[in-house]
Protein backbone atom coordinates (compact mmCIF):
# COMPACT_ATOMS: atom_id res chain seq x y z
CA MET A 1 -28.54 -13.49 -1.89
CA ILE A 2 -29.19 -14.69 1.41
CA ILE A 3 -28.44 -18.03 0.83
CA LYS A 4 -25.18 -16.94 -1.08
CA ILE A 5 -23.82 -15.12 1.83
CA LEU A 6 -24.99 -17.23 4.84
CA LEU A 7 -22.93 -20.28 2.66
CA THR A 8 -19.90 -18.38 2.28
CA ILE A 9 -20.09 -16.93 5.77
CA ILE A 10 -20.21 -20.26 7.17
CA PHE A 11 -17.43 -21.41 5.08
CA LEU A 12 -15.56 -18.39 5.80
CA ALA A 13 -16.03 -19.12 9.68
CA VAL A 14 -14.61 -22.81 9.21
CA MET A 15 -11.35 -21.33 7.67
CA VAL A 16 -10.73 -19.02 10.48
CA GLY A 17 -11.26 -21.15 13.35
CA VAL A 18 -8.66 -23.69 11.79
CA GLY A 19 -6.57 -21.10 11.44
CA ILE A 20 -6.96 -20.53 15.42
CA TYR A 21 -7.02 -23.91 16.39
CA SER A 22 -3.52 -24.85 14.33
CA ARG A 23 -1.98 -21.77 16.04
CA LYS A 24 0.05 -23.48 18.96
CA GLN A 25 1.56 -25.54 16.31
CA ALA A 26 3.09 -22.78 14.35
CA GLY A 27 5.16 -21.39 16.95
CA THR A 28 8.34 -22.94 15.37
CA VAL A 29 10.05 -22.48 11.75
CA GLU A 30 9.50 -26.42 11.40
CA GLY A 31 6.00 -26.22 12.54
CA PHE A 32 5.04 -22.96 10.90
CA VAL A 33 6.90 -23.94 7.12
CA LEU A 34 6.36 -27.90 7.14
CA GLY A 35 3.80 -28.94 9.79
CA GLY A 36 6.70 -30.43 11.84
CA ARG A 37 7.07 -33.03 8.66
CA SER A 38 4.34 -35.01 10.14
CA VAL A 39 1.10 -34.57 7.61
CA GLY A 40 -1.08 -37.63 6.43
CA PRO A 41 -1.37 -38.50 3.05
CA TRP A 42 -5.10 -37.39 2.54
CA LEU A 43 -4.13 -34.05 3.81
CA THR A 44 -1.09 -33.79 2.22
CA ALA A 45 -2.68 -35.09 -1.01
CA PHE A 46 -5.42 -32.58 -0.96
CA ALA A 47 -3.13 -29.88 -0.45
CA TYR A 48 -1.20 -30.70 -3.65
CA GLY A 49 -4.36 -30.99 -5.52
CA THR A 50 -6.32 -27.60 -4.03
CA SER A 51 -3.05 -25.84 -4.52
CA TYR A 52 -2.77 -27.18 -8.25
CA PHE A 53 -6.23 -25.85 -9.24
CA SER A 54 -7.46 -22.56 -8.24
CA ALA A 55 -9.71 -19.42 -10.04
CA VAL A 56 -6.79 -19.46 -12.83
CA VAL A 57 -7.48 -23.29 -13.93
CA PHE A 58 -11.60 -22.89 -13.40
CA VAL A 59 -11.96 -19.46 -14.70
CA GLY A 60 -8.79 -18.35 -16.99
CA TYR A 61 -7.75 -21.74 -18.10
CA ALA A 62 -10.53 -23.49 -18.64
CA GLY A 63 -12.68 -20.55 -20.42
CA GLN A 64 -9.65 -19.61 -22.84
CA PHE A 65 -8.48 -23.28 -24.14
CA GLY A 66 -12.46 -24.30 -23.93
CA TRP A 67 -12.88 -21.75 -26.38
CA LYS A 68 -10.11 -21.89 -28.39
CA TYR A 69 -10.06 -26.33 -28.92
CA GLY A 70 -13.55 -26.98 -27.82
CA MET A 71 -13.70 -30.78 -25.71
CA SER A 72 -10.11 -31.44 -26.92
CA ALA A 73 -9.60 -29.24 -23.57
CA SER A 74 -10.69 -32.13 -21.56
CA TRP A 75 -7.25 -33.56 -22.60
CA ILE A 76 -5.53 -30.80 -20.12
CA GLY A 77 -7.02 -32.36 -17.77
CA VAL A 78 -6.29 -35.82 -17.97
CA GLY A 79 -2.58 -34.62 -18.49
CA ASN A 80 -2.82 -32.37 -15.01
CA ALA A 81 -3.89 -35.99 -13.48
CA ILE A 82 -1.22 -38.42 -15.16
CA ILE A 83 1.70 -35.70 -15.56
CA GLY A 84 1.08 -33.06 -12.89
CA SER A 85 0.20 -35.68 -10.05
CA LEU A 86 0.65 -39.39 -10.64
CA LEU A 87 4.08 -39.02 -12.13
CA ALA A 88 5.08 -36.14 -9.91
CA TRP A 89 4.17 -38.24 -7.20
CA VAL A 90 5.86 -41.09 -8.16
CA LEU A 91 8.92 -39.59 -9.46
CA LEU A 92 9.88 -37.18 -6.82
CA GLY A 93 7.61 -37.59 -3.72
CA ARG A 94 10.06 -40.35 -2.34
CA ARG A 95 13.24 -39.06 -3.11
CA THR A 96 12.14 -35.80 -1.99
CA LYS A 97 10.97 -36.20 1.31
CA LEU A 98 14.08 -38.20 1.93
CA MET A 99 16.88 -36.21 0.58
CA THR A 100 15.29 -33.01 1.81
CA GLN A 101 15.02 -34.38 5.61
CA HIS A 102 18.31 -35.74 5.06
CA ILE A 103 20.46 -32.68 4.32
CA GLU A 104 17.44 -30.81 6.89
CA SER A 105 16.36 -28.74 4.04
CA ARG A 106 12.83 -26.56 4.25
CA THR A 107 12.54 -24.87 0.77
CA MET A 108 13.21 -25.31 -2.66
CA PRO A 109 16.23 -22.67 -2.75
CA ASP A 110 17.86 -23.86 0.62
CA PHE A 111 17.79 -27.46 -1.27
CA PHE A 112 19.65 -25.91 -4.07
CA GLY A 113 22.21 -24.03 -1.58
CA THR A 114 22.71 -27.32 0.37
CA ARG A 115 22.69 -30.22 -2.28
CA TYR A 116 24.73 -28.18 -4.44
CA ARG A 117 27.07 -26.59 -2.16
CA ASN A 118 26.64 -23.01 -2.82
CA GLU A 119 24.98 -20.53 -0.77
CA TRP A 120 24.58 -18.03 -3.74
CA LEU A 121 22.39 -20.55 -5.54
CA ARG A 122 20.32 -20.54 -2.32
CA VAL A 123 20.14 -16.71 -2.88
CA VAL A 124 19.32 -16.27 -6.06
CA ALA A 125 16.70 -18.76 -6.01
CA SER A 126 14.96 -17.15 -3.17
CA VAL A 127 14.74 -13.59 -5.59
CA ILE A 128 13.62 -15.81 -8.50
CA ALA A 129 10.54 -17.63 -6.28
CA PHE A 130 9.85 -14.53 -4.34
CA VAL A 131 9.41 -12.40 -7.86
CA PHE A 132 8.14 -14.56 -9.98
CA LEU A 133 5.20 -16.21 -7.83
CA ILE A 134 3.77 -12.79 -7.31
CA PRO A 135 2.15 -12.61 -11.02
CA TYR A 136 0.70 -16.25 -10.20
CA THR A 137 -0.53 -14.91 -7.27
CA ALA A 138 -2.64 -11.36 -8.79
CA GLY A 139 -4.14 -13.95 -11.77
CA VAL A 140 -5.70 -16.46 -8.57
CA TYR A 141 -7.00 -12.84 -7.14
CA LYS A 142 -8.12 -12.04 -10.75
CA GLY A 143 -10.29 -15.02 -11.39
CA ILE A 144 -11.99 -15.43 -7.54
CA SER A 145 -13.08 -12.14 -7.94
CA THR A 146 -14.55 -12.06 -11.47
CA LEU A 147 -16.76 -14.94 -10.19
CA PHE A 148 -17.65 -13.01 -7.11
CA GLU A 149 -18.73 -10.07 -8.82
CA MET A 150 -20.81 -12.15 -10.74
CA GLY A 151 -22.36 -13.85 -7.71
CA PHE A 152 -22.76 -11.24 -5.13
CA GLY A 153 -22.53 -8.21 -7.38
CA ILE A 154 -19.83 -6.91 -5.55
CA PRO A 155 -17.25 -4.60 -7.01
CA TYR A 156 -14.25 -6.62 -8.52
CA GLU A 157 -11.85 -4.03 -6.27
CA TYR A 158 -13.48 -4.93 -2.90
CA CYS A 159 -13.32 -8.36 -3.86
CA VAL A 160 -9.75 -8.57 -4.35
CA VAL A 161 -9.37 -7.06 -0.77
CA ILE A 162 -11.50 -8.92 1.00
CA MET A 163 -9.71 -12.32 -0.28
CA ALA A 164 -6.47 -11.21 0.38
CA ILE A 165 -7.51 -10.00 4.14
CA LEU A 166 -8.94 -13.23 4.77
CA THR A 167 -6.46 -15.81 3.40
CA ALA A 168 -3.49 -13.68 5.40
CA PHE A 169 -5.52 -14.24 8.42
CA TYR A 170 -5.52 -18.02 8.25
CA VAL A 171 -2.08 -18.60 7.48
CA ILE A 172 -0.20 -16.18 9.46
CA LEU A 173 -2.41 -17.50 12.31
CA GLY A 174 -1.63 -21.42 12.04
CA GLY A 175 0.90 -21.37 8.72
CA TYR A 176 1.49 -24.93 6.82
CA LYS A 177 -1.13 -27.03 9.10
CA ALA A 178 -3.58 -24.90 9.20
CA THR A 179 -3.36 -24.38 5.24
CA ALA A 180 -3.37 -28.49 4.88
CA MET A 181 -6.41 -28.98 7.04
CA ASN A 182 -8.39 -26.03 5.57
CA ASP A 183 -7.26 -27.64 2.05
CA PHE A 184 -8.93 -30.98 3.05
CA VAL A 185 -12.01 -29.42 3.43
CA GLN A 186 -11.89 -27.01 0.46
CA GLY A 187 -11.16 -29.86 -2.02
CA ILE A 188 -14.10 -32.02 -0.94
CA ILE A 189 -16.01 -28.65 -1.49
CA MET A 190 -14.38 -28.69 -5.32
CA LEU A 191 -15.08 -32.34 -5.61
CA PHE A 192 -18.92 -31.89 -5.12
CA GLY A 193 -18.97 -28.57 -6.91
CA ILE A 194 -17.14 -29.37 -9.96
CA ILE A 195 -19.82 -32.45 -10.71
CA VAL A 196 -22.71 -31.10 -9.79
CA VAL A 197 -21.84 -27.51 -11.52
CA ILE A 198 -21.60 -29.95 -15.16
CA LEU A 199 -24.56 -31.63 -14.67
CA ALA A 200 -26.37 -28.66 -14.46
CA VAL A 201 -24.72 -26.70 -17.16
CA LEU A 202 -25.32 -30.11 -19.46
CA ASN A 203 -28.66 -30.44 -18.27
CA SER A 204 -29.44 -26.51 -19.34
CA GLN A 205 -28.06 -27.46 -23.07
CA GLY A 206 -30.58 -30.75 -23.18
CA GLY A 207 -28.01 -32.92 -22.00
CA LEU A 208 -24.77 -34.77 -23.17
CA VAL A 209 -25.08 -35.80 -25.67
CA ALA A 210 -27.15 -32.82 -27.18
CA ALA A 211 -24.58 -30.52 -26.19
CA ILE A 212 -21.84 -32.47 -28.54
CA ASP A 213 -24.19 -32.65 -30.92
CA LYS A 214 -24.53 -28.34 -31.12
CA MET A 215 -20.52 -29.08 -30.59
CA SER A 216 -20.04 -30.81 -34.06
CA VAL A 217 -21.61 -27.95 -36.21
CA LEU A 218 -19.87 -24.93 -34.92
CA PRO A 219 -17.90 -23.61 -37.48
CA SER A 220 -14.15 -23.30 -37.27
CA ASP A 221 -12.63 -20.07 -36.21
CA ASP A 222 -10.14 -20.28 -39.60
CA ASN A 223 -12.70 -21.59 -41.96
CA ALA A 224 -16.19 -21.15 -41.64
CA ALA A 225 -17.20 -24.03 -43.76
CA VAL A 226 -15.66 -26.50 -41.46
CA ASN A 227 -17.47 -28.10 -38.68
CA GLY A 228 -16.76 -29.96 -35.52
CA GLY A 229 -13.58 -29.07 -34.82
CA PHE A 230 -14.59 -27.99 -31.50
CA ALA A 231 -15.97 -31.39 -30.91
CA SER A 232 -13.06 -33.87 -32.28
CA LEU A 233 -11.05 -35.35 -30.34
CA PHE A 234 -7.56 -33.34 -30.66
CA GLY A 235 -9.73 -30.02 -31.44
CA PRO A 236 -8.89 -27.84 -34.30
CA ASP A 237 -5.00 -26.44 -33.27
CA PRO A 238 -3.56 -29.77 -31.16
CA TRP A 239 -0.04 -28.61 -31.20
CA ASN A 240 -0.67 -25.76 -29.08
CA LEU A 241 -3.23 -27.87 -27.09
CA LEU A 242 -0.08 -29.72 -26.09
CA GLY A 243 2.10 -26.88 -25.21
CA VAL A 244 -0.48 -26.02 -22.82
CA VAL A 245 -0.43 -29.40 -21.37
CA VAL A 246 3.13 -29.44 -20.97
CA LEU A 247 3.11 -26.15 -19.26
CA THR A 248 0.19 -26.95 -16.79
CA SER A 249 1.05 -30.31 -15.94
CA LEU A 250 4.94 -30.75 -15.93
CA GLY A 251 5.39 -27.38 -14.52
CA THR A 252 4.37 -28.73 -11.10
CA TRP A 253 7.33 -30.54 -10.83
CA GLY A 254 9.40 -27.28 -10.44
CA LEU A 255 7.00 -25.12 -8.17
CA PRO A 256 8.28 -24.59 -4.98
CA GLN A 257 4.78 -24.00 -3.47
CA MET A 258 3.82 -27.57 -5.17
CA VAL A 259 7.06 -29.50 -4.63
CA GLY A 260 6.76 -28.11 -0.74
CA LYS A 261 4.54 -30.39 -0.26
CA PHE A 262 6.37 -33.66 -0.42
CA TYR A 263 8.66 -32.48 2.42
CA SER A 264 6.16 -32.68 4.68
CA ILE A 265 4.80 -35.81 4.46
CA THR A 266 5.02 -38.29 7.25
CA ASP A 267 6.82 -41.45 5.31
CA GLU A 268 6.59 -43.13 2.16
CA ASP A 269 3.91 -45.46 3.31
CA ALA A 270 1.98 -41.96 2.84
CA ILE A 271 3.47 -41.01 -0.04
CA ARG A 272 1.66 -44.21 -2.05
CA ARG A 273 -1.31 -43.67 -0.55
CA GLY A 274 -1.16 -39.88 -1.58
CA THR A 275 -0.80 -40.64 -4.90
CA ILE A 276 -3.66 -42.54 -5.24
CA ILE A 277 -5.72 -39.83 -3.72
CA SER A 278 -4.23 -37.23 -5.47
CA THR A 279 -4.19 -39.02 -8.76
CA ILE A 280 -8.05 -39.22 -8.81
CA PHE A 281 -8.64 -35.70 -7.15
CA ALA A 282 -6.83 -33.87 -10.03
CA LEU A 283 -8.86 -36.13 -12.77
CA ILE A 284 -11.97 -35.12 -11.59
CA VAL A 285 -11.52 -31.26 -10.59
CA ALA A 286 -9.01 -30.51 -13.59
CA GLY A 287 -11.15 -32.84 -15.95
CA GLY A 288 -14.21 -31.61 -14.98
CA CYS A 289 -13.12 -28.09 -15.15
CA TYR A 290 -11.52 -27.86 -19.06
CA PHE A 291 -14.57 -30.37 -19.68
CA LEU A 292 -16.90 -27.74 -18.53
CA GLY A 293 -14.87 -25.16 -20.32
CA GLY A 294 -15.02 -27.17 -23.69
CA PHE A 295 -18.77 -26.47 -24.34
CA GLY A 296 -18.19 -22.54 -23.77
CA ARG A 297 -18.99 -21.58 -27.12
CA LEU A 298 -22.66 -23.03 -26.76
CA PHE A 299 -23.25 -19.77 -24.33
CA GLY A 300 -22.76 -16.92 -26.85
CA THR A 301 -19.82 -14.92 -27.80
CA PRO A 302 -17.73 -13.14 -24.75
CA PRO A 303 -17.38 -9.80 -24.91
CA MET A 304 -14.65 -7.30 -26.45
CA LEU A 305 -11.71 -5.92 -24.38
CA PRO A 306 -11.35 -2.33 -25.13
CA ASN A 307 -8.29 -3.59 -27.10
CA GLY A 308 -10.50 -5.73 -29.39
CA ARG A 309 -9.63 -8.75 -28.03
CA LEU A 310 -12.37 -11.49 -26.82
CA ASP A 311 -12.24 -11.25 -22.74
CA PHE A 312 -11.85 -14.98 -22.05
CA ASP A 313 -11.88 -14.85 -18.07
CA SER A 314 -15.70 -13.90 -18.82
CA ILE A 315 -16.59 -17.12 -20.59
CA ILE A 316 -16.76 -19.12 -17.25
CA PRO A 317 -18.81 -16.74 -15.49
CA SER A 318 -21.42 -16.42 -18.26
CA MET A 319 -21.70 -19.89 -18.69
CA LEU A 320 -22.93 -20.02 -14.43
CA VAL A 321 -24.71 -16.77 -14.48
CA THR A 322 -28.23 -18.45 -15.62
CA LEU A 323 -28.08 -20.96 -13.42
CA PRO A 324 -30.30 -21.21 -10.11
CA ASP A 325 -29.13 -19.52 -6.91
CA ILE A 326 -28.10 -22.49 -5.11
CA LEU A 327 -25.89 -23.72 -7.61
CA ILE A 328 -24.32 -20.15 -7.88
CA ALA A 329 -23.48 -20.23 -4.07
CA LEU A 330 -22.03 -23.52 -4.75
CA VAL A 331 -20.22 -22.36 -7.75
CA VAL A 332 -18.70 -19.34 -5.76
CA LEU A 333 -17.73 -21.55 -2.92
CA LEU A 334 -16.08 -23.72 -5.68
CA VAL A 335 -13.95 -21.28 -7.02
CA LEU A 336 -13.36 -19.81 -2.96
CA SER A 337 -11.83 -22.75 -1.73
CA ALA A 338 -9.67 -23.61 -4.78
CA SER A 339 -8.56 -20.07 -4.85
CA MET A 340 -8.00 -19.15 -1.07
CA SER A 341 -6.02 -22.98 -0.95
CA THR A 342 -3.60 -21.57 -3.54
CA LEU A 343 -3.00 -18.50 -2.29
CA ALA A 344 -2.70 -19.59 1.09
CA SER A 345 0.16 -21.74 -0.37
CA LEU A 346 1.59 -19.34 -2.58
CA VAL A 347 2.37 -16.62 0.46
CA LEU A 348 3.17 -19.14 3.00
CA THR A 349 6.07 -20.36 0.22
CA SER A 350 6.78 -16.75 -0.89
CA SER A 351 7.14 -15.74 3.00
CA SER A 352 9.19 -18.78 4.10
CA THR A 353 11.53 -18.28 1.14
CA MET A 354 12.72 -15.27 1.83
CA THR A 355 12.75 -15.13 5.38
CA LEU A 356 15.16 -18.89 5.49
CA ASP A 357 17.04 -18.25 2.55
CA LEU A 358 17.78 -14.51 2.41
CA ILE A 359 17.59 -12.64 5.27
CA TYR A 360 18.26 -15.36 7.75
CA ARG A 361 20.29 -17.73 6.43
CA ASP A 362 21.99 -20.00 8.26
CA LYS A 363 25.25 -21.40 7.03
CA LYS A 364 24.20 -25.40 6.27
CA SER A 365 26.66 -28.57 6.72
CA LEU A 366 25.78 -32.17 4.90
CA PRO A 367 24.84 -34.71 7.32
CA GLY A 368 27.77 -35.75 9.89
CA GLU A 369 29.65 -32.25 9.56
CA VAL A 370 29.31 -29.80 12.62
CA THR A 371 29.54 -26.18 11.67
CA GLU A 372 30.75 -23.81 14.59
CA GLY A 373 27.36 -21.83 15.93
CA SER A 374 24.83 -24.04 13.64
CA ILE A 375 24.00 -26.06 16.71
CA ASP A 376 23.68 -23.18 18.69
CA ASP A 377 21.21 -21.45 16.05
CA MET A 378 19.16 -24.20 15.23
CA VAL A 379 18.26 -25.05 18.53
CA SER A 380 17.81 -21.01 19.80
CA GLU A 381 14.07 -20.51 20.63
CA LYS A 382 14.44 -17.03 20.72
CA ILE A 383 15.65 -17.03 17.03
CA GLU A 384 13.45 -18.84 16.10
CA ARG A 385 9.93 -17.01 17.07
CA ARG A 386 12.07 -14.25 15.39
CA LYS A 387 12.02 -16.04 12.02
CA VAL A 388 8.13 -16.94 12.46
CA VAL A 389 7.57 -13.34 13.16
CA VAL A 390 9.38 -12.14 10.11
CA MET A 391 7.57 -14.73 7.78
CA ARG A 392 4.14 -13.28 8.91
CA VAL A 393 5.27 -9.79 8.32
CA LEU A 394 6.53 -11.18 4.60
CA ILE A 395 2.81 -12.56 4.31
CA VAL A 396 1.55 -9.21 4.51
CA PHE A 397 4.29 -7.61 2.18
CA PHE A 398 3.65 -10.45 -0.48
CA ILE A 399 -0.11 -9.98 -0.36
CA ALA A 400 0.58 -6.25 -0.81
CA LEU A 401 2.34 -6.55 -4.07
CA SER A 402 0.27 -9.12 -5.79
CA LEU A 403 -2.73 -7.02 -4.78
CA MET A 404 -1.43 -3.83 -6.68
CA ILE A 405 -0.90 -6.20 -10.08
CA ALA A 406 -4.28 -7.69 -9.35
CA LEU A 407 -6.01 -4.32 -9.32
CA ASN A 408 -4.43 -3.09 -12.43
CA PRO A 409 -4.07 -6.71 -14.16
CA PRO A 410 -2.20 -5.95 -17.09
CA THR A 411 -3.42 -9.27 -19.31
CA PHE A 412 -5.52 -12.74 -18.66
CA ILE A 413 -5.05 -14.80 -16.34
CA ALA A 414 -3.86 -18.13 -18.33
CA GLN A 415 -1.07 -15.28 -19.48
CA LEU A 416 -0.05 -14.57 -15.88
CA MET A 417 0.28 -17.90 -14.87
CA GLY A 418 2.20 -18.65 -18.27
CA ILE A 419 4.64 -16.03 -17.27
CA SER A 420 5.16 -17.51 -13.62
CA TRP A 421 5.41 -20.57 -14.40
CA GLY A 422 7.57 -20.23 -16.88
CA ALA A 423 10.18 -18.66 -15.29
CA LEU A 424 9.99 -20.77 -12.27
CA ALA A 425 9.74 -24.41 -13.59
CA GLY A 426 11.83 -22.87 -16.61
CA ALA A 427 14.57 -22.34 -13.91
CA PHE A 428 13.87 -24.60 -10.96
CA LEU A 429 12.73 -28.51 -12.63
CA ALA A 430 15.37 -29.66 -14.24
CA PRO A 431 18.15 -28.65 -11.43
CA PHE A 432 15.85 -30.19 -8.70
CA MET A 433 14.73 -33.06 -10.32
CA LEU A 434 17.65 -34.38 -12.11
CA GLY A 435 19.56 -33.48 -8.36
CA LEU A 436 17.56 -35.92 -6.81
CA TYR A 437 19.00 -38.59 -9.38
CA TRP A 438 22.28 -38.14 -10.80
CA ARG A 439 25.61 -37.38 -8.70
CA GLY A 440 26.55 -35.80 -12.25
CA VAL A 441 24.86 -32.16 -11.94
CA THR A 442 27.05 -29.86 -11.62
CA PRO A 443 26.52 -26.38 -9.70
CA ALA A 444 27.62 -24.19 -12.87
CA SER A 445 24.90 -26.09 -14.64
CA VAL A 446 21.96 -25.17 -12.06
CA TRP A 447 23.57 -21.57 -13.07
CA ALA A 448 22.76 -22.14 -16.45
CA CYS A 449 19.31 -23.36 -15.94
CA PHE A 450 18.16 -20.19 -13.96
CA VAL A 451 19.47 -18.19 -16.54
CA TRP A 452 17.54 -20.12 -19.19
CA GLY A 453 14.46 -20.34 -17.60
CA VAL A 454 14.01 -16.61 -16.34
CA GLY A 455 16.28 -15.54 -19.25
CA LEU A 456 14.00 -16.95 -21.83
CA THR A 457 10.96 -15.86 -20.41
CA VAL A 458 11.67 -12.06 -19.79
CA ILE A 459 12.85 -11.78 -22.76
CA ASN A 460 10.03 -13.08 -24.51
CA MET A 461 7.97 -10.90 -22.46
CA LEU A 462 9.98 -7.65 -23.13
CA ILE A 463 9.79 -7.74 -27.04
CA GLY A 464 6.07 -8.33 -27.00
CA ASN A 465 5.89 -12.04 -26.45
CA PRO A 466 6.32 -13.46 -29.81
CA ILE A 467 6.18 -16.63 -28.72
CA ASN A 468 3.33 -17.51 -26.67
CA PRO A 469 3.83 -17.00 -23.01
CA ILE A 470 1.90 -20.53 -22.54
CA ASN A 471 4.07 -22.04 -25.23
CA CYS A 472 7.20 -20.27 -23.95
CA GLY A 473 6.69 -21.57 -20.50
CA ALA A 474 6.97 -25.34 -22.18
CA ILE A 475 9.86 -24.47 -24.03
CA ALA A 476 11.78 -22.97 -20.66
CA MET A 477 10.70 -26.18 -18.77
CA VAL A 478 11.69 -28.63 -21.46
CA GLY A 479 14.81 -26.90 -22.69
CA GLY A 480 15.83 -27.19 -19.07
CA PHE A 481 17.20 -30.47 -19.15
CA VAL A 482 19.29 -30.49 -21.73
CA VAL A 483 20.65 -27.06 -20.48
CA VAL A 484 21.78 -28.86 -17.13
CA THR A 485 22.75 -32.09 -19.18
CA LEU A 486 24.91 -30.49 -21.56
CA VAL A 487 26.72 -27.83 -18.98
CA SER A 488 27.17 -30.65 -16.36
CA PHE A 489 29.36 -32.62 -18.95
CA VAL A 490 31.79 -29.77 -19.28
CA THR A 491 31.88 -28.29 -15.98
CA PRO A 492 33.88 -29.60 -13.07
CA LYS A 493 32.31 -31.89 -11.14
CA MET A 494 30.85 -31.74 -7.05
CA SER A 495 33.37 -32.99 -4.52
CA ARG A 496 32.87 -37.00 -4.30
CA ASP A 497 32.73 -37.08 -0.22
CA ASP A 498 30.03 -34.31 -0.35
CA ILE A 499 28.08 -36.08 -3.28
CA ASN A 500 28.32 -39.72 -1.20
CA LYS A 501 27.00 -37.77 2.18
CA ILE A 502 24.14 -36.34 0.31
CA PHE A 503 22.95 -39.68 -1.41
CA ASP A 504 23.53 -41.63 1.46
CA CYS A 505 19.89 -40.99 2.60
CA TYR A 506 18.55 -43.37 -0.65
CA ASN A 507 21.03 -46.44 1.56
CA ASN A 508 18.94 -46.19 4.30
């Protein structure tokens, strides 16, 4: 216990120290939200990866989907690396950096409002982002607190509150630069931790070959006479496995806290290097998490919840509880690192969106245009400081709301994340990505996609989830491209002059 406490105190002291060190760079909106748009490839790549993978993945997803799909759950990690990281950086990185800097966009709702010349799109997008980032944040709190309760014996409720306070402290102090610097430290811990934990868990089962042999004789859930499904290439349920791959991989393309990383990177050369770093990071961390979770059935059946269902969120903790104390300390730091980085990204995204796109909504102009009063507003140091103060206050407000859900979680971690990602990416992914490439996207099609993504997710939830929230989220994302394309063909186009000014950034 002394080792666990000592390592955790050192870790938290570093996080707080970085926040204090970065506070001078967080005095302006540009510095607080985007780190001055001068964050290098290593910091950006690690910030992307650590925001992507948190306790939601390590505790919730790896446990639940490892149990359901066995070793084939590793495909989820491969999809996260190739689709969620490699293709996201290749297809979105450069164009997002150039266009958002060209139109002076700081948030995803700001992008919608300026790119499509419609301030109400900006307002509604900010509300959607704020509302649906809350269940995701609650899922992260639940995951990290479950591990902390196992490792330290501290009651779940205390763990949730402590993590919230510590995360808020360094984000409020240092903004995005503090978050990115801490993400780098946390990413190193995650890389080292996941490798060591996998080796330790496999060793407890007699090694990799012995563990696979044990998985190959486990009976199917549907047919006790059929063995080997949990050790097969595509598992016992490949179609639902595909839905998880789509949700967790494609979803990152439409999440404000993920896409925002491309806003702040220094230049195009940094994007190329960041692509490689981010992909390798995702392959090790995500691939390792799901590979580890695939062996969950070798450690016994998880406990039952009062409603008679298996407690999937206890699977990973039960796999780790028998490890030596030093390794449990490493696991706690691993999950703590993954979760605090994600929490920091979520609360920063939510507070900046509400402040810049709802409370202090400056009238935006396209490059080459001058709007009366906008120049004074942009250079006003007093207004800038006031905006940063409001963002810091909203960070506290957002964390408080998330805590209320985390203290009374309505469902499993995986389902909390499915609801959040389904609504956000279902509403934002298609109009954002197509807006970077296609001049023909219309404002009406963006409205239609907002209604589609949020409407499908909420209605499915209200009627008792007849479609699994994971699959519903995947349908919302893919269907958004169809909605935007069809509606754009039949609704009025934007001004050709406006479109030319917006896309001029790619000609330089």
